[in-house]
Protein backbone atom coordinates (compact mmCIF):
# COMPACT_ATOMS: atom_id res chain seq x y z
CA MET A 1 -0.32 -0.22 -0.12
CA ARG A 2 1.50 3.24 -1.47
CA ALA A 3 1.42 5.91 1.41
CA VAL A 4 2.20 9.68 1.61
CA GLY A 5 2.97 11.38 4.99
CA LEU A 6 1.72 14.87 6.18
CA VAL A 7 3.26 17.06 8.59
CA THR A 8 -0.23 18.83 10.16
CA GLU A 9 -1.39 20.75 12.93
CA TYR A 10 -4.75 20.79 11.55
CA ASN A 11 -5.74 23.96 13.95
CA PRO A 12 -8.40 23.63 13.14
CA PHE A 13 -8.72 21.58 9.92
CA HIS A 14 -10.27 24.03 6.73
CA ASN A 15 -10.76 23.68 3.13
CA GLY A 16 -6.88 24.48 2.48
CA HIS A 17 -5.95 21.27 4.58
CA LEU A 18 -8.61 19.56 2.52
CA TYR A 19 -7.13 20.67 -0.84
CA HIS A 20 -3.23 19.54 0.50
CA LEU A 21 -4.86 16.25 1.53
CA GLN A 22 -6.37 15.40 -1.86
CA GLN A 23 -3.30 16.87 -3.66
CA SER A 24 -0.89 15.20 -1.56
CA ARG A 25 -2.54 11.61 -2.43
CA ARG A 26 -2.86 12.47 -6.28
CA LEU A 27 0.74 13.82 -6.83
CA ALA A 28 2.35 10.48 -4.42
CA ASP A 29 -0.55 7.76 -6.28
CA ALA A 30 -1.25 7.02 -2.70
CA GLU A 31 -3.49 4.79 -1.14
CA VAL A 32 -3.28 5.83 2.65
CA THR A 33 -2.53 9.37 4.21
CA VAL A 34 -0.81 9.62 6.84
CA ALA A 35 -0.77 12.64 9.44
CA VAL A 36 2.43 13.27 11.84
CA MET A 37 0.12 16.01 13.67
CA SER A 38 1.21 18.34 17.05
CA GLY A 39 -0.67 18.06 19.91
CA HIS A 40 -1.87 20.13 22.96
CA PHE A 41 0.63 23.16 21.80
CA LEU A 42 1.92 24.42 18.43
CA GLN A 43 4.79 25.44 16.64
CA ARG A 44 4.34 28.88 17.46
CA GLY A 45 4.17 28.84 21.21
CA GLU A 46 0.67 28.17 21.02
CA ALA A 47 -2.48 26.24 22.64
CA ALA A 48 -4.54 24.45 20.02
CA LEU A 49 -8.00 25.69 19.70
CA CYS A 50 -8.96 22.45 20.70
CA ASP A 51 -7.38 19.11 22.04
CA LYS A 52 -5.75 16.85 19.75
CA TRP A 53 -8.58 13.95 20.05
CA ARG A 54 -10.84 16.08 18.76
CA ARG A 55 -8.43 17.79 16.35
CA THR A 56 -7.94 13.80 15.23
CA GLU A 57 -11.94 13.36 14.54
CA MET A 58 -11.97 16.44 12.03
CA ALA A 59 -8.83 15.12 10.30
CA LEU A 60 -10.30 11.39 9.79
CA ALA A 61 -14.10 13.31 8.52
CA ALA A 62 -12.23 14.66 6.08
CA GLY A 63 -10.44 11.71 4.53
CA VAL A 64 -6.90 11.55 6.62
CA ASP A 65 -6.53 7.42 6.74
CA LEU A 66 -3.70 7.64 10.35
CA VAL A 67 -2.98 10.29 12.74
CA ILE A 68 0.22 10.06 14.57
CA GLU A 69 1.15 12.18 17.58
CA LEU A 70 4.43 14.79 16.99
CA PRO A 71 5.95 14.72 20.53
CA TYR A 72 5.53 17.84 22.46
CA ILE A 73 9.54 18.48 22.64
CA PHE A 74 9.44 18.48 18.57
CA ALA A 75 5.95 19.85 18.27
CA CYS A 76 6.50 23.41 20.35
CA ASN A 77 10.01 24.21 18.97
CA SER A 78 11.92 25.91 15.73
CA ALA A 79 11.38 24.79 12.36
CA PRO A 80 14.59 22.81 12.21
CA TYR A 81 13.50 20.78 15.35
CA PHE A 82 9.90 20.85 14.07
CA ALA A 83 10.90 19.35 10.90
CA ARG A 84 13.29 16.60 12.28
CA GLY A 85 10.72 14.90 14.49
CA ALA A 86 8.07 15.21 12.50
CA ILE A 87 10.50 13.16 9.70
CA LEU A 88 11.52 10.59 12.34
CA CYS A 89 7.84 9.78 13.14
CA LEU A 90 7.78 9.17 9.65
CA ASP A 91 10.53 6.31 9.34
CA ALA A 92 9.87 5.27 12.40
CA LEU A 93 6.50 4.40 11.50
CA GLY A 94 7.83 2.42 8.72
CA GLY A 95 6.21 1.94 5.08
CA ILE A 96 5.86 5.53 4.14
CA ASP A 97 6.86 5.98 0.43
CA SER A 98 6.56 10.14 0.38
CA LEU A 99 6.30 12.82 2.36
CA CYS A 100 4.32 15.98 0.00
CA PHE A 101 3.88 19.78 2.08
CA GLY A 102 2.55 22.81 0.83
CA SER A 103 4.83 25.86 0.05
CA GLU A 104 4.32 29.19 -1.44
CA LEU A 105 6.54 28.00 -4.00
CA GLY A 106 4.97 25.21 -5.39
CA ASP A 107 8.53 23.82 -7.03
CA LEU A 108 11.25 21.36 -5.45
CA ALA A 109 13.96 22.47 -6.90
CA PRO A 110 15.12 25.88 -5.89
CA LEU A 111 13.67 24.51 -1.53
CA GLN A 112 16.34 22.11 -2.32
CA ARG A 113 18.86 23.97 -3.36
CA TYR A 114 18.68 25.94 -0.12
CA ALA A 115 18.38 22.74 1.99
CA ASP A 116 21.30 21.55 0.24
CA LEU A 117 23.25 24.86 1.30
CA LEU A 118 22.27 24.94 4.14
CA ASN A 119 23.51 21.47 5.57
CA GLN A 120 26.63 21.97 3.53
CA HIS A 121 27.26 25.13 5.50
CA ASN A 122 26.20 24.41 8.90
CA ALA A 123 28.64 24.42 10.91
CA THR A 124 30.15 28.12 9.93
CA ILE A 125 25.93 29.24 9.26
CA LEU A 126 24.86 28.25 13.00
CA ALA A 127 28.68 30.45 14.09
CA GLN A 128 27.25 33.57 12.39
CA THR A 129 23.53 33.08 13.31
CA GLN A 130 25.04 33.45 16.60
CA GLN A 131 26.80 36.21 16.36
CA LEU A 132 24.03 37.97 14.48
CA LEU A 133 21.65 37.00 17.24
CA ARG A 134 24.41 38.52 20.04
CA ARG A 135 24.17 41.45 18.07
CA GLY A 136 20.24 42.14 18.55
CA VAL A 137 19.38 40.78 15.18
CA VAL A 138 16.46 38.38 14.93
CA TYR A 139 16.78 34.82 13.50
CA PRO A 140 15.10 34.93 10.30
CA VAL A 141 16.85 38.40 9.36
CA ALA A 142 20.10 36.90 10.62
CA ARG A 143 19.08 33.65 8.85
CA ALA A 144 18.14 35.85 5.26
CA GLU A 145 21.39 37.68 5.74
CA ILE A 146 24.10 34.83 5.97
CA MET A 147 21.79 32.80 3.25
CA ARG A 148 22.61 36.42 0.54
CA GLY A 149 26.26 35.75 1.55
CA LEU A 150 26.75 32.19 0.67
CA SER A 151 24.45 32.19 -2.96
CA PRO A 152 24.71 36.21 -4.00
CA ASP A 153 23.52 34.84 -7.36
CA VAL A 154 20.15 34.09 -6.17
CA ASP A 155 17.06 36.12 -4.54
CA LEU A 156 15.81 34.39 -1.75
CA THR A 157 14.55 36.94 -0.23
CA GLU A 158 11.01 35.75 -1.07
CA THR A 159 11.67 32.35 -0.49
CA LEU A 160 13.14 33.31 3.01
CA SER A 161 10.03 35.06 4.34
CA ALA A 162 7.47 32.77 3.48
CA PRO A 163 6.74 29.93 6.15
CA ASN A 164 5.42 27.20 4.65
CA ASN A 165 9.32 27.48 2.23
CA ILE A 166 11.24 27.73 5.32
CA LEU A 167 9.16 24.50 7.10
CA GLY A 168 9.98 22.62 3.29
CA ILE A 169 13.43 23.41 3.50
CA GLU A 170 14.03 22.20 6.88
CA TYR A 171 12.10 18.80 5.91
CA LEU A 172 14.27 18.66 2.74
CA ARG A 173 16.81 19.04 5.13
CA ALA A 174 16.13 16.70 8.08
CA LEU A 175 14.88 13.63 5.20
CA ALA A 176 19.09 14.28 4.43
CA GLN A 177 19.86 14.59 7.66
CA THR A 178 18.27 11.39 9.03
CA GLY A 179 19.53 9.36 5.36
CA SER A 180 15.36 8.69 5.12
CA ALA A 181 14.44 7.07 1.54
CA ILE A 182 11.48 8.79 1.71
CA ARG A 183 10.77 10.97 -1.06
CA ALA A 184 9.89 14.91 -1.28
CA LEU A 185 6.88 16.49 -3.05
CA THR A 186 5.67 20.18 -2.70
CA ILE A 187 2.17 21.69 -4.08
CA GLN A 188 1.80 24.65 -4.19
CA ARG A 189 -0.21 26.93 -1.16
CA GLN A 190 -3.69 28.22 -1.98
CA GLY A 191 -5.49 30.92 -1.18
CA PRO A 192 -4.71 33.66 1.59
CA GLY A 193 -0.72 33.52 3.30
CA TYR A 194 -0.46 32.06 6.60
CA HIS A 195 -0.49 35.56 8.52
CA ASP A 196 -3.45 36.86 6.14
CA LEU A 197 -6.96 37.41 8.52
CA GLU A 198 -9.42 37.42 5.11
CA GLY A 199 -10.27 34.58 3.13
CA GLN A 200 -10.26 34.05 -0.44
CA GLY A 201 -13.46 32.41 -1.79
CA ALA A 202 -13.90 29.30 0.39
CA ILE A 203 -10.43 28.99 1.97
CA SER A 204 -9.10 30.87 4.86
CA SER A 205 -5.81 30.45 7.01
CA ALA A 206 -6.02 28.74 10.07
CA THR A 207 -4.95 31.63 12.04
CA GLY A 208 -7.66 34.16 10.22
CA ILE A 209 -10.10 31.04 11.08
CA ARG A 210 -9.13 31.50 14.67
CA ARG A 211 -9.55 35.16 14.68
CA LYS A 212 -12.89 35.36 13.40
CA LEU A 213 -14.21 32.59 15.69
CA LYS A 214 -12.57 35.28 18.35
CA GLN A 215 -15.09 37.82 17.34
CA HIS A 216 -17.99 35.11 16.99
CA GLU A 217 -18.01 35.26 13.17
CA ASN A 218 -19.73 32.48 10.87
CA VAL A 219 -16.74 29.99 9.56
CA ALA A 220 -18.33 27.22 8.11
CA LEU A 221 -17.89 28.67 4.51
CA TYR A 222 -14.31 27.98 5.20
CA LEU A 223 -13.98 24.14 6.55
CA PRO A 224 -15.31 21.11 4.91
CA ALA A 225 -18.69 20.11 6.44
CA ALA A 226 -18.30 17.14 8.73
CA VAL A 227 -15.20 18.98 10.34
CA GLY A 228 -17.68 22.14 10.94
CA ASP A 229 -20.03 20.06 13.18
CA LEU A 230 -17.67 18.69 15.16
CA LEU A 231 -15.84 21.96 15.44
CA GLN A 232 -19.10 23.29 16.27
CA THR A 233 -19.54 20.94 19.34
CA VAL A 234 -16.12 21.92 20.95
CA LEU A 235 -17.62 25.74 20.72
CA ASP A 236 -21.00 24.62 22.24
CA GLU A 237 -19.08 22.77 25.35
CA ALA A 238 -16.35 25.41 25.69
CA VAL A 239 -13.81 23.08 25.58
CA ILE A 240 -10.65 25.93 24.42
CA PRO A 241 -8.53 27.42 25.77
CA ASP A 242 -9.17 30.71 28.11
CA ASP A 243 -6.42 33.25 27.88
CA ASP A 244 -6.91 34.20 31.43
CA HIS A 245 -6.57 30.59 32.53
CA HIS A 246 -3.45 30.69 30.63
CA LEU A 247 -2.21 33.78 32.57
CA ARG A 248 -2.71 32.99 35.85
CA LEU A 249 -1.01 29.27 35.31
CA LEU A 250 1.84 31.08 33.77
CA LEU A 251 2.18 33.56 36.61
CA ALA A 252 1.52 30.95 39.00
CA ARG A 253 4.58 29.03 37.99
CA ILE A 254 6.67 32.55 36.85
CA LEU A 255 6.22 34.06 40.54
CA ARG A 256 7.87 30.46 42.38
CA GLY A 257 11.11 32.71 42.15
CA ALA A 258 13.17 34.07 39.20
CA ASP A 259 15.62 31.43 40.68
CA THR A 260 13.10 28.22 39.92
CA LEU A 261 13.25 29.01 36.12
CA ILE A 262 16.88 28.83 35.21
CA ARG A 263 16.77 25.12 34.95
CA LEU A 264 13.88 25.25 32.23
CA TYR A 265 14.21 24.85 28.27
CA GLN A 266 14.82 27.95 26.63
CA VAL A 267 15.04 30.30 29.41
CA GLU A 268 18.57 31.34 28.55
CA SER A 269 21.08 33.00 31.23
CA GLY A 270 19.31 36.77 32.47
CA GLN A 271 15.88 35.57 30.78
CA GLU A 272 14.51 34.47 34.36
CA ASN A 273 14.59 37.83 35.42
CA ARG A 274 13.59 39.07 32.60
CA LEU A 275 10.39 36.66 33.12
CA PHE A 276 9.94 37.30 36.68
CA ASP A 277 10.29 40.85 36.11
CA ALA A 278 7.15 40.89 33.60
CA ALA A 279 4.65 38.25 35.58
CA GLY A 280 5.00 41.22 38.46
CA LYS A 281 3.46 43.21 35.72
CA ALA A 282 1.18 41.76 33.48
CA THR A 283 -2.70 41.89 33.85
CA THR A 284 -3.27 40.06 30.35
CA LEU A 285 -1.66 37.06 28.33
CA GLY A 286 -0.77 39.49 26.13
CA GLU A 287 0.96 41.89 28.36
CA LEU A 288 2.98 39.15 29.91
CA ILE A 289 4.59 38.14 26.27
CA GLU A 290 5.16 41.67 25.52
CA ASN A 291 6.42 42.50 28.26
CA ILE A 292 9.31 39.74 27.86
CA LYS A 293 9.84 40.34 23.83
CA ALA A 294 13.18 42.16 23.47
CA ARG A 295 15.12 42.75 20.61
CA GLN A 296 16.54 39.82 20.04
CA LEU A 297 13.53 37.55 21.21
CA THR A 298 10.70 37.46 18.55
CA ARG A 299 7.14 36.52 20.12
CA THR A 300 7.40 33.31 18.75
CA ARG A 301 10.36 32.78 20.56
CA VAL A 302 8.41 34.21 23.37
CA GLN A 303 5.62 31.85 23.12
CA ARG A 304 7.26 28.68 22.83
CA MET A 305 9.43 29.57 26.18
CA LEU A 306 6.49 30.47 28.12
CA CYS A 307 5.10 26.78 27.06
CA HIS A 308 7.99 25.14 28.62
CA VAL A 309 7.74 27.42 31.79
CA LEU A 310 3.92 26.37 31.62
CA ASN A 311 5.07 22.59 30.99
CA ASP A 312 8.07 22.58 33.21
CA VAL A 313 10.25 21.61 30.87
CA ASP A 314 13.75 20.60 32.21
CA ALA A 315 16.77 22.00 29.69
CA GLU A 316 18.63 19.04 30.18
CA VAL A 317 15.89 16.56 29.97
CA ALA A 318 14.96 18.35 26.71
CA SER A 319 18.23 18.11 25.01
CA GLN A 320 17.76 14.74 25.33
CA GLN A 321 14.98 14.22 23.92
CA LEU A 322 15.94 16.26 21.09
CA ASP A 323 19.35 14.65 20.43
CA ARG A 324 17.19 10.91 20.77
CA GLY A 325 14.19 11.54 18.49
CA PRO A 326 11.14 9.85 19.25
CA SER A 327 11.05 6.99 22.01
CA TYR A 328 7.51 5.54 20.78
CA LEU A 329 4.62 6.49 18.48
CA HIS A 330 1.34 7.40 20.17
CA LEU A 331 -1.84 6.24 17.57
CA LEU A 332 -4.66 9.53 17.75
CA GLY A 333 -6.93 7.72 15.18
CA SER A 334 -6.92 5.44 12.30
CA SER A 335 -9.30 4.59 8.98
CA GLU A 336 -10.22 0.97 8.71
CA LYS A 337 -7.95 1.51 5.49
CA GLY A 338 -4.86 2.88 8.07
CA GLU A 339 -5.74 -0.29 10.04
CA LYS A 340 -4.74 -2.28 6.96
CA PHE A 341 -1.88 -0.63 6.02
CA LEU A 342 -0.64 -0.88 9.94
CA ALA A 343 -0.75 -4.39 9.71
CA ALA A 344 0.77 -4.72 6.58
CA THR A 345 4.00 -2.56 7.72
CA ARG A 346 4.18 -3.98 11.75
CA LYS A 347 7.83 -5.30 10.34
CA GLU A 348 8.95 -2.08 9.17
CA ARG A 349 8.06 -0.46 12.55
CA ARG A 350 11.31 0.54 14.26
CA LEU A 351 9.44 2.33 17.55
CA PRO A 352 6.35 0.91 19.66
CA LEU A 353 3.39 2.29 18.23
CA VAL A 354 1.22 2.70 21.31
CA GLY A 355 -3.05 3.20 21.50
CA ASN A 356 -3.59 5.02 24.40
CA TYR A 357 -0.76 4.63 27.54
CA SER A 358 -3.32 2.14 29.38
CA ARG A 359 -0.25 -0.09 28.84
CA ILE A 360 2.25 2.00 27.84
CA HIS A 361 4.90 1.10 30.74
CA ASN A 362 5.04 -2.70 30.17
CA GLN A 363 5.11 -1.72 26.11
CA LEU A 364 8.32 0.46 26.72
CA GLN A 365 10.00 -1.86 29.32
CA ARG A 366 9.38 -5.10 26.85
CA PHE A 367 10.87 -3.01 24.20
CA TYR A 368 14.01 -1.31 25.90
CA GLY A 369 14.61 -3.34 28.71
CA GLN A 370 14.00 -3.10 32.41
CA GLY A 371 16.85 -0.11 34.10
CA SER A 372 17.95 0.60 30.46
CA ASN A 373 18.77 4.22 29.72
CA GLU A 374 16.77 3.94 26.48
CA LEU A 375 13.43 3.22 28.85
CA LEU A 376 14.80 6.38 30.94
CA LEU A 377 14.82 8.56 27.83
CA ALA A 378 11.37 7.00 26.54
CA GLN A 379 9.50 7.83 30.17
CA HIS A 380 10.81 11.49 29.98
CA GLN A 381 9.00 11.89 26.63
CA LEU A 382 5.73 10.03 28.70
CA GLN A 383 6.19 12.23 31.64
CA MET A 384 6.57 15.73 29.01
CA GLU A 385 3.58 14.96 27.05
CA LEU A 386 1.03 13.58 30.17
CA ARG A 387 2.37 17.28 32.02
CA SER A 388 1.49 18.78 28.24
CA SER A 389 -2.05 17.16 28.03
CA ASP A 390 -3.17 18.06 32.05
CA ASN A 391 -1.99 21.63 31.75
CA TYR A 392 -3.78 22.10 28.71
CA ALA A 393 -6.98 20.79 30.77
CA LEU A 394 -6.21 23.44 32.86
CA LEU A 395 -6.65 26.12 30.54
CA GLN A 396 -10.00 25.43 29.70
CA LYS A 397 -12.76 27.25 29.79
CA GLY A 398 -14.98 24.19 30.37
CA PHE A 399 -12.47 22.70 32.66
CA SER A 400 -12.98 19.37 33.59
CA ALA A 401 -11.69 17.23 36.77
CA ARG A 402 -11.04 14.30 34.17
CA ARG A 403 -6.91 14.70 33.50
CA GLN A 404 -4.46 12.32 32.72
CA ARG A 405 -6.91 11.61 29.43
CA ASP A 406 -3.83 10.12 27.52
CA TYR A 407 -4.39 7.22 29.25
CA PHE A 408 -7.94 6.25 29.16
CA GLU A 409 -9.12 7.95 25.56
CA PRO A 410 -9.49 5.78 23.15
CA VAL A 411 -7.61 5.92 19.49
CA ARG A 412 -10.30 7.38 16.85
CA ARG A 413 -11.59 5.03 14.10
CA VAL A 414 -13.89 5.73 11.49
CA GLY A 415 -14.61 2.80 8.68
CA LEU A 416 -13.59 2.48 5.41
CA ARG A 417 -14.19 5.49 2.86
CA GLU A 418 -14.97 5.77 -1.02
CA ASP A 419 -12.15 7.62 -2.70
């Protein structure tokens, strides 16, 4: 069974995602679509609009065959780590023939050239990037300046400023760095840009949809019908993150003291004091973020840092996780066709595949061996996922005492669909 991989957030699933899904299946001539999807906290350091199980149901309703969770430490991170984690998940699952991603260019060749340049000059680029960051240049501008020096004959300005191009380049780099045999494909992004708030026809960015929802506007035009029904249920039940809840949880953690923040991931030397001072003044989540921002700290970097503060992510543990890669694969949902694919590719799988976590401790012990360092790393990943799920539950307006949901939420399943 030919399978195409998709790297997704589906926050929420919309008509642009549906186009990407359909075109990916066509371009790859695939029988099965496999989405590696972020969990409760996303790449730009934001809490997802609705939980990972609801977003899985949306994906399955729209025609995705398998949904695998991208572990927290990769999902809530910069593009290189985000991409590497997704590629490692797809490779470890086994049986994935191709990866298809959307890009503003819609042309693989220039993206591949840029990815090759980055890989060839990686050490130089890292050193020069750090120098520019210390001078107060923000990361995207620093990277663009360095690359123009390496490739003066090519105008990379537009390529480097487009978010889907940037992610696409990192997927290509990760495929090369990991030695993956997965073939890369790209399709051109349709409709408005990533940050655009207004729709074009029946397509809107996820950012625009979320903004409209905050303003209590109808977004049904931009969603597949089945997805719209599922999202309306989420809104009716008020199981969405609330900024006031989010702020209070962050303040409770930060105000324990600046010295308690030093060990946390992405809190660099001196930033713990900035966080503590900002927490003493902020009355809204937006204020907290703005008060922490600095010349060398983008809003996205601050938001990711705050996610790691909220989830108490130890810097040393995070580094180990990023070096090791995922220790297990979490299956969130499957169609009947997806189940057949998993059965057919079982021998190709290189990591444990778990549904809910009811038997995960025994599964990990059998796979890695009692007392092994690999088992310890897997347990660190597990604890990180559990904390992020619990904290996400506490962010919701419709607060529920039912936490630790990873232990009892079933894998979402749907019947075989007609193509």
